[in-house]
Amino acid sequence: MPHDSSTGDPVRWPADRVHDIIEVFCDAFRDYPVMRHVLGSAADDYDRRLGELIGFFVMTRVNRAEPVFAVLDGPTVAGAATMTLQDRESPLAVIEHRERVWADLGAGARSRYAAYGDATHPFFAGRRHHHLNMIGVRRSHAGRGLARRLLEAVHALAESDPASEGVSLTTETPHNLPFYEHFGYRVVGHARVAGDLETWGLFRERRM
């Protein structure tokens, strides 16, 4: 992938600027299969609903004190990644936020997301590891190698933890599989969540 010299290395992003991360993900994941499936692509207020769902995902990482990475292009946050630590408990703030979000998005959206979670959970059960919760780059910055840099930061963090077995992730677009396999991931699971949605689980073993 081409290198953009104006862009720096990924940095841990502060919680008080988390809106930058949410903005990146709303752009990167606007047409992502999971979002369209859970929220319903025909909804008149899709963008608002997308912002609420992604905001919940990101704030969960913040409230659990989990890693949030950003890569900058000048003053602009061009890409981001969030990680889940599998042995962290969710504080009350996360639980209360979750209930508010699903109350707004509706029982149908909650049920569809639960079905997705049920399908992906067996992929990595029983392993103490880091999960790459979300990774995305603004569409305006695609093709500049930013996802590679974010992955390198994610891998370095997992490698520094001797208790971690590696990094897991899921993808719902099959053309992503060769990209992740290039970085050492292997497919460990596949499931069809619904007629319009299937998912793959990938795992990269810790190498140190």
N, C-alpha and C. Protein backbone atom coordinates (compact mmCIF):
# COMPACT_ATOMS: atom_id res chain seq x y z
N MET A 1 0.84 -1.19 0.00
CA MET A 1 0.00 0.00 0.00
C MET A 1 0.88 1.25 0.00
N PRO A 2 0.49 2.30 -0.68
CA PRO A 2 1.33 3.50 -0.73
C PRO A 2 1.44 4.16 0.63
N HIS A 3 2.58 4.80 0.82
CA HIS A 3 2.86 5.47 2.09
C HIS A 3 2.58 6.96 1.96
N ASP A 4 1.85 7.50 2.91
CA ASP A 4 1.54 8.94 2.93
C ASP A 4 2.40 9.58 4.00
N SER A 5 3.42 10.31 3.60
CA SER A 5 4.37 10.86 4.56
C SER A 5 3.78 11.92 5.46
N SER A 6 2.58 12.44 5.12
CA SER A 6 1.97 13.47 5.96
C SER A 6 1.26 12.87 7.16
N THR A 7 1.19 11.56 7.20
CA THR A 7 0.44 10.89 8.25
C THR A 7 1.39 10.25 9.24
N GLY A 8 1.13 10.47 10.53
CA GLY A 8 2.02 9.94 11.56
C GLY A 8 1.64 8.55 12.01
N ASP A 9 2.38 8.06 13.01
CA ASP A 9 2.10 6.74 13.57
C ASP A 9 0.86 6.80 14.44
N PRO A 10 0.18 5.67 14.62
CA PRO A 10 -0.99 5.64 15.50
C PRO A 10 -0.63 6.04 16.93
N VAL A 11 -1.57 6.71 17.59
CA VAL A 11 -1.39 7.15 18.97
C VAL A 11 -2.61 6.73 19.78
N ARG A 12 -2.41 6.54 21.08
CA ARG A 12 -3.55 6.29 21.97
C ARG A 12 -4.35 7.58 22.07
N TRP A 13 -5.66 7.49 21.86
CA TRP A 13 -6.49 8.69 21.76
C TRP A 13 -7.16 8.98 23.09
N PRO A 14 -7.20 10.25 23.50
CA PRO A 14 -7.78 10.60 24.80
C PRO A 14 -9.30 10.48 24.82
N ALA A 15 -9.83 10.12 25.97
CA ALA A 15 -11.27 9.91 26.12
C ALA A 15 -12.07 11.18 25.89
N ASP A 16 -11.48 12.35 26.19
CA ASP A 16 -12.24 13.59 26.03
C ASP A 16 -12.34 14.03 24.58
N ARG A 17 -11.74 13.28 23.65
CA ARG A 17 -11.87 13.59 22.23
C ARG A 17 -12.43 12.39 21.46
N VAL A 18 -13.21 11.60 22.15
CA VAL A 18 -13.72 10.37 21.55
C VAL A 18 -14.67 10.65 20.39
N HIS A 19 -15.24 11.85 20.32
CA HIS A 19 -16.13 12.18 19.20
C HIS A 19 -15.40 12.07 17.86
N ASP A 20 -14.07 12.29 17.85
CA ASP A 20 -13.30 12.14 16.61
C ASP A 20 -13.32 10.70 16.12
N ILE A 21 -13.23 9.76 17.05
CA ILE A 21 -13.23 8.34 16.70
C ILE A 21 -14.61 7.93 16.18
N ILE A 22 -15.65 8.39 16.84
CA ILE A 22 -17.01 8.08 16.41
C ILE A 22 -17.25 8.61 14.99
N GLU A 23 -16.76 9.80 14.71
CA GLU A 23 -16.93 10.40 13.39
C GLU A 23 -16.25 9.56 12.31
N VAL A 24 -15.04 9.09 12.59
CA VAL A 24 -14.32 8.24 11.63
C VAL A 24 -15.11 6.97 11.36
N PHE A 25 -15.56 6.31 12.42
CA PHE A 25 -16.27 5.05 12.24
C PHE A 25 -17.61 5.23 11.53
N CYS A 26 -18.29 6.32 11.80
CA CYS A 26 -19.57 6.57 11.10
C CYS A 26 -19.34 6.71 9.60
N ASP A 27 -18.22 7.28 9.22
CA ASP A 27 -17.88 7.40 7.80
C ASP A 27 -17.47 6.05 7.24
N ALA A 28 -16.55 5.36 7.95
CA ALA A 28 -15.99 4.12 7.44
C ALA A 28 -17.02 2.98 7.38
N PHE A 29 -17.95 2.95 8.34
CA PHE A 29 -18.86 1.82 8.47
C PHE A 29 -20.29 2.14 8.02
N ARG A 30 -20.47 3.24 7.32
CA ARG A 30 -21.83 3.64 6.97
C ARG A 30 -22.57 2.54 6.19
N ASP A 31 -21.88 1.89 5.29
CA ASP A 31 -22.53 0.87 4.47
C ASP A 31 -22.07 -0.54 4.83
N TYR A 32 -21.51 -0.70 6.03
CA TYR A 32 -21.00 -2.01 6.43
C TYR A 32 -22.17 -2.96 6.67
N PRO A 33 -22.02 -4.25 6.28
CA PRO A 33 -23.15 -5.18 6.37
C PRO A 33 -23.78 -5.30 7.75
N VAL A 34 -22.98 -5.34 8.82
CA VAL A 34 -23.56 -5.49 10.16
C VAL A 34 -24.43 -4.29 10.50
N MET A 35 -23.95 -3.08 10.19
CA MET A 35 -24.72 -1.88 10.53
C MET A 35 -26.03 -1.85 9.76
N ARG A 36 -25.97 -2.14 8.47
CA ARG A 36 -27.19 -2.14 7.66
C ARG A 36 -28.17 -3.21 8.14
N HIS A 37 -27.64 -4.35 8.51
CA HIS A 37 -28.51 -5.44 8.96
C HIS A 37 -29.17 -5.11 10.29
N VAL A 38 -28.38 -4.65 11.24
CA VAL A 38 -28.92 -4.38 12.57
C VAL A 38 -29.90 -3.21 12.56
N LEU A 39 -29.53 -2.13 11.88
CA LEU A 39 -30.33 -0.90 11.94
C LEU A 39 -31.47 -0.88 10.93
N GLY A 40 -31.33 -1.62 9.85
CA GLY A 40 -32.32 -1.55 8.78
C GLY A 40 -31.95 -0.44 7.82
N SER A 41 -31.51 -0.78 6.64
CA SER A 41 -30.95 0.21 5.72
C SER A 41 -31.99 1.19 5.19
N ALA A 42 -33.27 0.84 5.31
CA ALA A 42 -34.31 1.71 4.76
C ALA A 42 -34.80 2.76 5.75
N ALA A 43 -34.26 2.76 6.95
CA ALA A 43 -34.73 3.70 7.97
C ALA A 43 -34.49 5.14 7.55
N ASP A 44 -35.50 6.00 7.75
CA ASP A 44 -35.38 7.40 7.36
C ASP A 44 -34.27 8.11 8.15
N ASP A 45 -34.09 7.71 9.38
CA ASP A 45 -33.09 8.35 10.23
C ASP A 45 -31.87 7.45 10.42
N TYR A 46 -31.46 6.78 9.36
CA TYR A 46 -30.37 5.81 9.45
C TYR A 46 -29.09 6.43 10.00
N ASP A 47 -28.71 7.60 9.52
CA ASP A 47 -27.45 8.20 9.96
C ASP A 47 -27.46 8.50 11.46
N ARG A 48 -28.58 8.98 11.97
CA ARG A 48 -28.66 9.23 13.42
C ARG A 48 -28.55 7.93 14.19
N ARG A 49 -29.25 6.90 13.72
CA ARG A 49 -29.22 5.61 14.39
C ARG A 49 -27.82 5.00 14.33
N LEU A 50 -27.16 5.16 13.20
CA LEU A 50 -25.79 4.67 13.06
C LEU A 50 -24.86 5.36 14.07
N GLY A 51 -25.00 6.68 14.20
CA GLY A 51 -24.19 7.41 15.15
C GLY A 51 -24.42 6.97 16.57
N GLU A 52 -25.67 6.65 16.89
CA GLU A 52 -25.96 6.21 18.26
C GLU A 52 -25.36 4.84 18.53
N LEU A 53 -25.47 3.93 17.55
CA LEU A 53 -24.94 2.58 17.75
C LEU A 53 -23.41 2.60 17.83
N ILE A 54 -22.78 3.30 16.90
CA ILE A 54 -21.31 3.37 16.93
C ILE A 54 -20.84 4.13 18.17
N GLY A 55 -21.57 5.17 18.55
CA GLY A 55 -21.23 5.89 19.76
C GLY A 55 -21.24 4.97 20.97
N PHE A 56 -22.21 4.08 21.03
CA PHE A 56 -22.25 3.12 22.14
C PHE A 56 -21.06 2.18 22.10
N PHE A 57 -20.73 1.67 20.91
CA PHE A 57 -19.58 0.77 20.80
C PHE A 57 -18.30 1.45 21.29
N VAL A 58 -18.08 2.68 20.85
CA VAL A 58 -16.85 3.38 21.21
C VAL A 58 -16.85 3.76 22.69
N MET A 59 -17.97 4.27 23.19
CA MET A 59 -18.02 4.67 24.59
C MET A 59 -17.87 3.47 25.53
N THR A 60 -18.27 2.30 25.07
CA THR A 60 -18.05 1.10 25.88
C THR A 60 -16.56 0.87 26.08
N ARG A 61 -15.78 1.06 25.01
CA ARG A 61 -14.33 0.92 25.15
C ARG A 61 -13.77 1.97 26.11
N VAL A 62 -14.26 3.19 26.00
CA VAL A 62 -13.79 4.27 26.88
C VAL A 62 -14.15 3.98 28.32
N ASN A 63 -15.39 3.58 28.57
CA ASN A 63 -15.85 3.34 29.94
C ASN A 63 -15.22 2.11 30.56
N ARG A 64 -14.70 1.22 29.73
CA ARG A 64 -13.99 0.05 30.24
C ARG A 64 -12.48 0.26 30.25
N ALA A 65 -12.05 1.49 29.94
CA ALA A 65 -10.62 1.84 29.92
C ALA A 65 -9.84 0.93 28.99
N GLU A 66 -10.40 0.69 27.81
CA GLU A 66 -9.76 -0.17 26.81
C GLU A 66 -9.09 0.67 25.73
N PRO A 67 -8.18 0.08 24.96
CA PRO A 67 -7.37 0.85 24.01
C PRO A 67 -8.18 1.44 22.86
N VAL A 68 -7.92 2.71 22.58
CA VAL A 68 -8.46 3.41 21.42
C VAL A 68 -7.28 4.06 20.69
N PHE A 69 -7.07 3.69 19.43
CA PHE A 69 -5.97 4.22 18.64
C PHE A 69 -6.51 5.14 17.55
N ALA A 70 -5.73 6.16 17.22
CA ALA A 70 -6.05 7.05 16.10
C ALA A 70 -4.80 7.27 15.28
N VAL A 71 -4.98 7.47 13.98
CA VAL A 71 -3.89 7.86 13.10
C VAL A 71 -4.31 9.16 12.43
N LEU A 72 -3.41 10.13 12.40
CA LEU A 72 -3.73 11.48 11.97
C LEU A 72 -3.18 11.79 10.59
N ASP A 73 -3.91 12.63 9.87
CA ASP A 73 -3.42 13.27 8.66
C ASP A 73 -3.49 14.76 8.94
N GLY A 74 -2.36 15.34 9.34
CA GLY A 74 -2.40 16.70 9.84
C GLY A 74 -3.24 16.75 11.10
N PRO A 75 -4.21 17.68 11.17
CA PRO A 75 -5.07 17.75 12.35
C PRO A 75 -6.26 16.80 12.31
N THR A 76 -6.43 16.08 11.20
CA THR A 76 -7.60 15.24 11.00
C THR A 76 -7.35 13.82 11.46
N VAL A 77 -8.28 13.28 12.23
CA VAL A 77 -8.24 11.87 12.56
C VAL A 77 -8.71 11.10 11.33
N ALA A 78 -7.76 10.39 10.70
CA ALA A 78 -8.04 9.74 9.42
C ALA A 78 -8.44 8.28 9.58
N GLY A 79 -8.04 7.66 10.66
CA GLY A 79 -8.37 6.26 10.91
C GLY A 79 -8.34 5.98 12.39
N ALA A 80 -8.98 4.87 12.78
CA ALA A 80 -9.07 4.55 14.20
C ALA A 80 -9.24 3.06 14.39
N ALA A 81 -8.89 2.61 15.59
CA ALA A 81 -9.10 1.22 15.97
C ALA A 81 -9.43 1.16 17.46
N THR A 82 -10.33 0.28 17.83
CA THR A 82 -10.66 0.07 19.24
C THR A 82 -10.50 -1.41 19.56
N MET A 83 -10.10 -1.69 20.79
CA MET A 83 -9.84 -3.06 21.21
C MET A 83 -10.64 -3.42 22.45
N THR A 84 -11.02 -4.68 22.51
CA THR A 84 -11.70 -5.23 23.67
C THR A 84 -10.75 -6.16 24.39
N LEU A 85 -10.65 -6.02 25.71
CA LEU A 85 -9.88 -6.94 26.53
C LEU A 85 -10.85 -7.94 27.13
N GLN A 86 -10.65 -9.20 26.83
CA GLN A 86 -11.67 -10.21 27.09
C GLN A 86 -11.98 -10.43 28.56
N ASP A 87 -11.09 -10.04 29.46
CA ASP A 87 -11.33 -10.31 30.87
C ASP A 87 -11.81 -9.09 31.65
N ARG A 88 -12.23 -8.03 30.94
CA ARG A 88 -12.71 -6.82 31.61
C ARG A 88 -14.20 -6.92 31.90
N GLU A 89 -14.59 -6.46 33.06
CA GLU A 89 -16.01 -6.37 33.42
C GLU A 89 -16.56 -5.03 32.94
N SER A 90 -17.84 -5.01 32.56
CA SER A 90 -18.47 -3.76 32.14
C SER A 90 -19.02 -3.03 33.35
N PRO A 91 -18.64 -1.76 33.53
CA PRO A 91 -19.17 -1.00 34.66
C PRO A 91 -20.64 -0.64 34.44
N LEU A 92 -21.26 -0.13 35.49
CA LEU A 92 -22.67 0.21 35.42
C LEU A 92 -22.96 1.22 34.32
N ALA A 93 -22.04 2.14 34.07
CA ALA A 93 -22.26 3.15 33.03
C ALA A 93 -22.47 2.51 31.67
N VAL A 94 -21.76 1.43 31.38
CA VAL A 94 -21.92 0.72 30.11
C VAL A 94 -23.29 0.07 30.03
N ILE A 95 -23.69 -0.57 31.11
CA ILE A 95 -24.98 -1.27 31.13
C ILE A 95 -26.13 -0.28 30.96
N GLU A 96 -26.06 0.85 31.66
CA GLU A 96 -27.12 1.86 31.54
C GLU A 96 -27.15 2.46 30.14
N HIS A 97 -25.98 2.73 29.56
CA HIS A 97 -25.91 3.27 28.20
C HIS A 97 -26.50 2.27 27.21
N ARG A 98 -26.17 1.01 27.38
CA ARG A 98 -26.68 -0.03 26.48
C ARG A 98 -28.21 -0.06 26.49
N GLU A 99 -28.80 0.03 27.67
CA GLU A 99 -30.26 -0.03 27.74
C GLU A 99 -30.90 1.19 27.08
N ARG A 100 -30.28 2.37 27.24
CA ARG A 100 -30.81 3.57 26.58
C ARG A 100 -30.74 3.44 25.06
N VAL A 101 -29.64 2.90 24.57
CA VAL A 101 -29.45 2.76 23.11
C VAL A 101 -30.49 1.81 22.53
N TRP A 102 -30.64 0.65 23.14
CA TRP A 102 -31.59 -0.31 22.58
C TRP A 102 -33.04 0.13 22.75
N ALA A 103 -33.32 0.88 23.79
CA ALA A 103 -34.66 1.43 23.93
C ALA A 103 -34.99 2.36 22.77
N ASP A 104 -33.99 3.11 22.32
CA ASP A 104 -34.19 4.02 21.20
C ASP A 104 -34.19 3.29 19.85
N LEU A 105 -33.26 2.37 19.66
CA LEU A 105 -33.13 1.71 18.36
C LEU A 105 -34.20 0.64 18.14
N GLY A 106 -34.76 0.13 19.22
CA GLY A 106 -35.88 -0.78 19.08
C GLY A 106 -35.55 -2.25 19.31
N ALA A 107 -36.58 -3.01 19.62
CA ALA A 107 -36.41 -4.43 19.93
C ALA A 107 -35.91 -5.22 18.73
N GLY A 108 -36.33 -4.83 17.54
CA GLY A 108 -35.88 -5.54 16.35
C GLY A 108 -34.38 -5.42 16.16
N ALA A 109 -33.86 -4.19 16.30
CA ALA A 109 -32.42 -3.98 16.16
C ALA A 109 -31.66 -4.74 17.23
N ARG A 110 -32.18 -4.72 18.45
CA ARG A 110 -31.50 -5.42 19.54
C ARG A 110 -31.47 -6.92 19.28
N SER A 111 -32.57 -7.48 18.81
CA SER A 111 -32.64 -8.90 18.53
C SER A 111 -31.68 -9.28 17.41
N ARG A 112 -31.61 -8.47 16.37
CA ARG A 112 -30.69 -8.78 15.26
C ARG A 112 -29.23 -8.71 15.72
N TYR A 113 -28.92 -7.73 16.58
CA TYR A 113 -27.55 -7.65 17.07
C TYR A 113 -27.22 -8.82 18.00
N ALA A 114 -28.17 -9.23 18.81
CA ALA A 114 -27.96 -10.38 19.69
C ALA A 114 -27.70 -11.64 18.88
N ALA A 115 -28.42 -11.81 17.78
CA ALA A 115 -28.21 -12.98 16.92
C ALA A 115 -26.81 -12.96 16.32
N TYR A 116 -26.35 -11.77 15.96
CA TYR A 116 -24.99 -11.64 15.45
C TYR A 116 -23.98 -12.02 16.53
N GLY A 117 -24.18 -11.53 17.74
CA GLY A 117 -23.28 -11.88 18.84
C GLY A 117 -23.27 -13.37 19.14
N ASP A 118 -24.44 -14.00 19.10
CA ASP A 118 -24.53 -15.44 19.33
C ASP A 118 -23.76 -16.21 18.26
N ALA A 119 -23.78 -15.71 17.03
CA ALA A 119 -23.09 -16.40 15.93
C ALA A 119 -21.58 -16.28 16.04
N THR A 120 -21.09 -15.14 16.53
CA THR A 120 -19.64 -14.91 16.56
C THR A 120 -18.98 -15.37 17.85
N HIS A 121 -19.72 -15.45 18.93
CA HIS A 121 -19.11 -15.78 20.23
C HIS A 121 -18.33 -17.09 20.21
N PRO A 122 -18.83 -18.17 19.58
CA PRO A 122 -18.08 -19.43 19.63
C PRO A 122 -16.73 -19.39 18.92
N PHE A 123 -16.51 -18.40 18.06
CA PHE A 123 -15.26 -18.37 17.30
C PHE A 123 -14.03 -18.34 18.21
N PHE A 124 -14.13 -17.63 19.32
CA PHE A 124 -12.94 -17.37 20.15
C PHE A 124 -13.12 -17.79 21.61
N ALA A 125 -14.15 -18.53 21.91
CA ALA A 125 -14.43 -18.90 23.29
C ALA A 125 -13.27 -19.70 23.89
N GLY A 126 -12.97 -19.39 25.15
CA GLY A 126 -11.96 -20.15 25.88
C GLY A 126 -10.54 -19.67 25.70
N ARG A 127 -10.35 -18.55 25.00
CA ARG A 127 -9.00 -18.03 24.79
C ARG A 127 -8.89 -16.66 25.43
N ARG A 128 -7.83 -16.44 26.19
CA ARG A 128 -7.57 -15.12 26.77
C ARG A 128 -6.79 -14.34 25.73
N HIS A 129 -7.41 -13.34 25.16
CA HIS A 129 -6.80 -12.65 24.03
C HIS A 129 -7.34 -11.23 23.92
N HIS A 130 -6.80 -10.48 22.99
CA HIS A 130 -7.30 -9.16 22.64
C HIS A 130 -8.19 -9.27 21.41
N HIS A 131 -9.30 -8.55 21.44
CA HIS A 131 -10.21 -8.55 20.29
C HIS A 131 -10.16 -7.18 19.62
N LEU A 132 -9.92 -7.19 18.32
CA LEU A 132 -9.95 -5.95 17.54
C LEU A 132 -11.41 -5.64 17.26
N ASN A 133 -11.95 -4.79 18.09
CA ASN A 133 -13.38 -4.51 18.08
C ASN A 133 -13.83 -3.80 16.80
N MET A 134 -13.13 -2.71 16.46
CA MET A 134 -13.42 -1.97 15.23
C MET A 134 -12.12 -1.39 14.70
N ILE A 135 -11.97 -1.38 13.37
CA ILE A 135 -10.87 -0.69 12.72
C ILE A 135 -11.44 -0.09 11.43
N GLY A 136 -11.19 1.20 11.24
CA GLY A 136 -11.76 1.87 10.08
C GLY A 136 -10.96 3.09 9.68
N VAL A 137 -11.04 3.41 8.40
CA VAL A 137 -10.35 4.57 7.82
C VAL A 137 -11.38 5.38 7.04
N ARG A 138 -11.28 6.68 7.15
CA ARG A 138 -12.18 7.54 6.37
C ARG A 138 -12.10 7.15 4.89
N ARG A 139 -13.23 7.19 4.21
CA ARG A 139 -13.24 6.84 2.80
C ARG A 139 -12.34 7.76 1.99
N SER A 140 -12.20 9.00 2.43
CA SER A 140 -11.33 9.95 1.74
C SER A 140 -9.85 9.59 1.88
N HIS A 141 -9.52 8.69 2.82
CA HIS A 141 -8.12 8.33 3.07
C HIS A 141 -7.84 6.86 2.75
N ALA A 142 -8.74 6.22 2.04
CA ALA A 142 -8.53 4.81 1.69
C ALA A 142 -7.32 4.66 0.77
N GLY A 143 -6.63 3.55 0.91
CA GLY A 143 -5.51 3.24 0.03
C GLY A 143 -4.19 3.85 0.42
N ARG A 144 -4.10 4.43 1.61
CA ARG A 144 -2.85 5.07 2.04
C ARG A 144 -2.07 4.25 3.06
N GLY A 145 -2.49 3.05 3.31
CA GLY A 145 -1.77 2.20 4.25
C GLY A 145 -2.08 2.46 5.71
N LEU A 146 -3.15 3.18 5.99
CA LEU A 146 -3.46 3.53 7.38
C LEU A 146 -3.95 2.33 8.18
N ALA A 147 -4.71 1.45 7.54
CA ALA A 147 -5.17 0.24 8.24
C ALA A 147 -3.98 -0.61 8.65
N ARG A 148 -2.97 -0.69 7.80
CA ARG A 148 -1.77 -1.45 8.15
C ARG A 148 -1.12 -0.87 9.39
N ARG A 149 -1.00 0.45 9.46
CA ARG A 149 -0.36 1.06 10.62
C ARG A 149 -1.16 0.83 11.90
N LEU A 150 -2.48 0.90 11.77
CA LEU A 150 -3.31 0.64 12.94
C LEU A 150 -3.17 -0.81 13.40
N LEU A 151 -3.13 -1.74 12.45
CA LEU A 151 -2.94 -3.13 12.81
C LEU A 151 -1.61 -3.35 13.51
N GLU A 152 -0.57 -2.69 13.04
CA GLU A 152 0.73 -2.83 13.68
C GLU A 152 0.69 -2.38 15.14
N ALA A 153 -0.03 -1.30 15.41
CA ALA A 153 -0.16 -0.82 16.79
C ALA A 153 -0.95 -1.81 17.63
N VAL A 154 -2.01 -2.36 17.06
CA VAL A 154 -2.82 -3.36 17.76
C VAL A 154 -1.97 -4.59 18.10
N HIS A 155 -1.22 -5.06 17.11
CA HIS A 155 -0.40 -6.25 17.32
C HIS A 155 0.68 -6.01 18.37
N ALA A 156 1.31 -4.83 18.33
CA ALA A 156 2.36 -4.51 19.30
C ALA A 156 1.80 -4.52 20.72
N LEU A 157 0.60 -3.99 20.91
CA LEU A 157 0.00 -3.98 22.24
C LEU A 157 -0.26 -5.41 22.72
N ALA A 158 -0.82 -6.25 21.85
CA ALA A 158 -1.10 -7.63 22.25
C ALA A 158 0.18 -8.40 22.51
N GLU A 159 1.21 -8.15 21.70
CA GLU A 159 2.48 -8.86 21.88
C GLU A 159 3.13 -8.50 23.21
N SER A 160 2.84 -7.31 23.72
CA SER A 160 3.46 -6.87 24.97
C SER A 160 2.82 -7.49 26.20
N ASP A 161 1.72 -8.22 26.02
CA ASP A 161 1.00 -8.83 27.13
C ASP A 161 1.26 -10.33 27.12
N PRO A 162 2.09 -10.84 28.03
CA PRO A 162 2.42 -12.27 28.01
C PRO A 162 1.24 -13.17 28.30
N ALA A 163 0.16 -12.62 28.85
CA ALA A 163 -1.02 -13.44 29.14
C ALA A 163 -1.96 -13.55 27.95
N SER A 164 -1.70 -12.78 26.90
CA SER A 164 -2.58 -12.79 25.73
C SER A 164 -2.14 -13.84 24.73
N GLU A 165 -3.09 -14.58 24.19
CA GLU A 165 -2.79 -15.59 23.17
C GLU A 165 -2.72 -14.98 21.77
N GLY A 166 -3.20 -13.75 21.61
CA GLY A 166 -3.16 -13.13 20.30
C GLY A 166 -4.29 -12.14 20.11
N VAL A 167 -4.65 -11.91 18.84
CA VAL A 167 -5.67 -10.93 18.48
C VAL A 167 -6.74 -11.60 17.62
N SER A 168 -7.98 -11.35 17.96
CA SER A 168 -9.09 -11.86 17.16
C SER A 168 -9.82 -10.69 16.50
N LEU A 169 -10.57 -11.01 15.45
CA LEU A 169 -11.44 -10.03 14.81
C LEU A 169 -12.50 -10.78 14.01
N THR A 170 -13.53 -10.06 13.62
CA THR A 170 -14.53 -10.60 12.70
C THR A 170 -14.66 -9.67 11.52
N THR A 171 -15.05 -10.24 10.39
CA THR A 171 -15.35 -9.43 9.21
C THR A 171 -16.57 -10.02 8.54
N GLU A 172 -17.35 -9.14 7.94
CA GLU A 172 -18.57 -9.56 7.25
C GLU A 172 -18.49 -9.33 5.75
N THR A 173 -17.30 -9.06 5.25
CA THR A 173 -17.08 -8.91 3.82
C THR A 173 -15.96 -9.85 3.39
N PRO A 174 -16.24 -10.83 2.54
CA PRO A 174 -15.24 -11.85 2.22
C PRO A 174 -13.99 -11.30 1.54
N HIS A 175 -14.10 -10.16 0.85
CA HIS A 175 -12.89 -9.64 0.21
C HIS A 175 -11.88 -9.10 1.21
N ASN A 176 -12.28 -8.97 2.50
CA ASN A 176 -11.33 -8.58 3.53
C ASN A 176 -10.43 -9.73 3.97
N LEU A 177 -10.82 -10.95 3.68
CA LEU A 177 -10.09 -12.10 4.20
C LEU A 177 -8.63 -12.13 3.75
N PRO A 178 -8.31 -11.95 2.46
CA PRO A 178 -6.91 -11.98 2.06
C PRO A 178 -6.08 -10.87 2.71
N PHE A 179 -6.70 -9.72 2.95
CA PHE A 179 -5.99 -8.62 3.60
C PHE A 179 -5.54 -9.04 4.99
N TYR A 180 -6.44 -9.58 5.79
CA TYR A 180 -6.08 -9.98 7.14
C TYR A 180 -5.15 -11.19 7.15
N GLU A 181 -5.35 -12.10 6.23
CA GLU A 181 -4.46 -13.26 6.16
C GLU A 181 -3.03 -12.82 5.84
N HIS A 182 -2.88 -11.76 5.08
CA HIS A 182 -1.55 -11.22 4.78
C HIS A 182 -0.82 -10.80 6.05
N PHE A 183 -1.56 -10.39 7.07
CA PHE A 183 -0.97 -9.95 8.32
C PHE A 183 -0.94 -11.05 9.38
N GLY A 184 -1.11 -12.29 8.95
CA GLY A 184 -0.93 -13.42 9.86
C GLY A 184 -2.17 -13.97 10.50
N TYR A 185 -3.35 -13.48 10.14
CA TYR A 185 -4.60 -14.02 10.68
C TYR A 185 -4.99 -15.27 9.90
N ARG A 186 -5.70 -16.15 10.58
CA ARG A 186 -6.28 -17.31 9.90
C ARG A 186 -7.75 -17.42 10.29
N VAL A 187 -8.53 -17.92 9.37
CA VAL A 187 -9.97 -18.07 9.62
C VAL A 187 -10.18 -19.22 10.60
N VAL A 188 -10.90 -18.93 11.68
CA VAL A 188 -11.18 -19.95 12.70
C VAL A 188 -12.67 -20.23 12.83
N GLY A 189 -13.49 -19.50 12.10
CA GLY A 189 -14.92 -19.73 12.18
C GLY A 189 -15.68 -18.99 11.10
N HIS A 190 -16.84 -19.52 10.75
CA HIS A 190 -17.70 -18.89 9.75
C HIS A 190 -19.14 -19.22 10.10
N ALA A 191 -20.02 -18.24 9.98
CA ALA A 191 -21.43 -18.48 10.28
C ALA A 191 -22.30 -17.57 9.41
N ARG A 192 -23.47 -18.07 9.07
CA ARG A 192 -24.48 -17.23 8.42
C ARG A 192 -25.45 -16.76 9.49
N VAL A 193 -25.47 -15.45 9.72
CA VAL A 193 -26.31 -14.88 10.76
C VAL A 193 -27.75 -14.79 10.28
N ALA A 194 -27.92 -14.38 9.04
CA ALA A 194 -29.23 -14.23 8.42
C ALA A 194 -29.03 -14.35 6.92
N GLY A 195 -30.13 -14.30 6.18
CA GLY A 195 -30.01 -14.45 4.74
C GLY A 195 -29.11 -13.44 4.08
N ASP A 196 -29.04 -12.24 4.64
CA ASP A 196 -28.24 -11.17 4.03
C ASP A 196 -26.95 -10.89 4.79
N LEU A 197 -26.58 -11.76 5.74
CA LEU A 197 -25.41 -11.46 6.55
C LEU A 197 -24.68 -12.74 6.95
N GLU A 198 -23.39 -12.82 6.61
CA GLU A 198 -22.54 -13.89 7.10
C GLU A 198 -21.28 -13.27 7.69
N THR A 199 -20.62 -14.02 8.55
CA THR A 199 -19.48 -13.48 9.27
C THR A 199 -18.37 -14.51 9.36
N TRP A 200 -17.13 -14.01 9.39
CA TRP A 200 -15.95 -14.85 9.54
C TRP A 200 -15.18 -14.40 10.78
N GLY A 201 -14.69 -15.36 11.56
CA GLY A 201 -13.81 -15.07 12.68
C GLY A 201 -12.38 -15.38 12.31
N LEU A 202 -11.47 -14.46 12.63
CA LEU A 202 -10.05 -14.63 12.33
C LEU A 202 -9.23 -14.45 13.60
N PHE A 203 -8.09 -15.17 13.65
CA PHE A 203 -7.24 -15.10 14.83
C PHE A 203 -5.78 -15.04 14.41
N ARG A 204 -5.03 -14.16 15.09
CA ARG A 204 -3.58 -14.04 14.87
C ARG A 204 -2.89 -14.43 16.16
N GLU A 205 -2.12 -15.49 16.12
CA GLU A 205 -1.43 -15.98 17.31
C GLU A 205 -0.36 -14.99 17.76
N ARG A 206 -0.22 -14.87 19.08
CA ARG A 206 0.86 -14.06 19.65
C ARG A 206 2.20 -14.66 19.26
N ARG A 207 3.15 -13.83 18.88
CA ARG A 207 4.41 -14.33 18.32
C ARG A 207 5.62 -14.15 19.22
N MET A 208 5.44 -13.63 20.43
CA MET A 208 6.57 -13.44 21.33
C MET A 208 6.47 -14.35 22.55
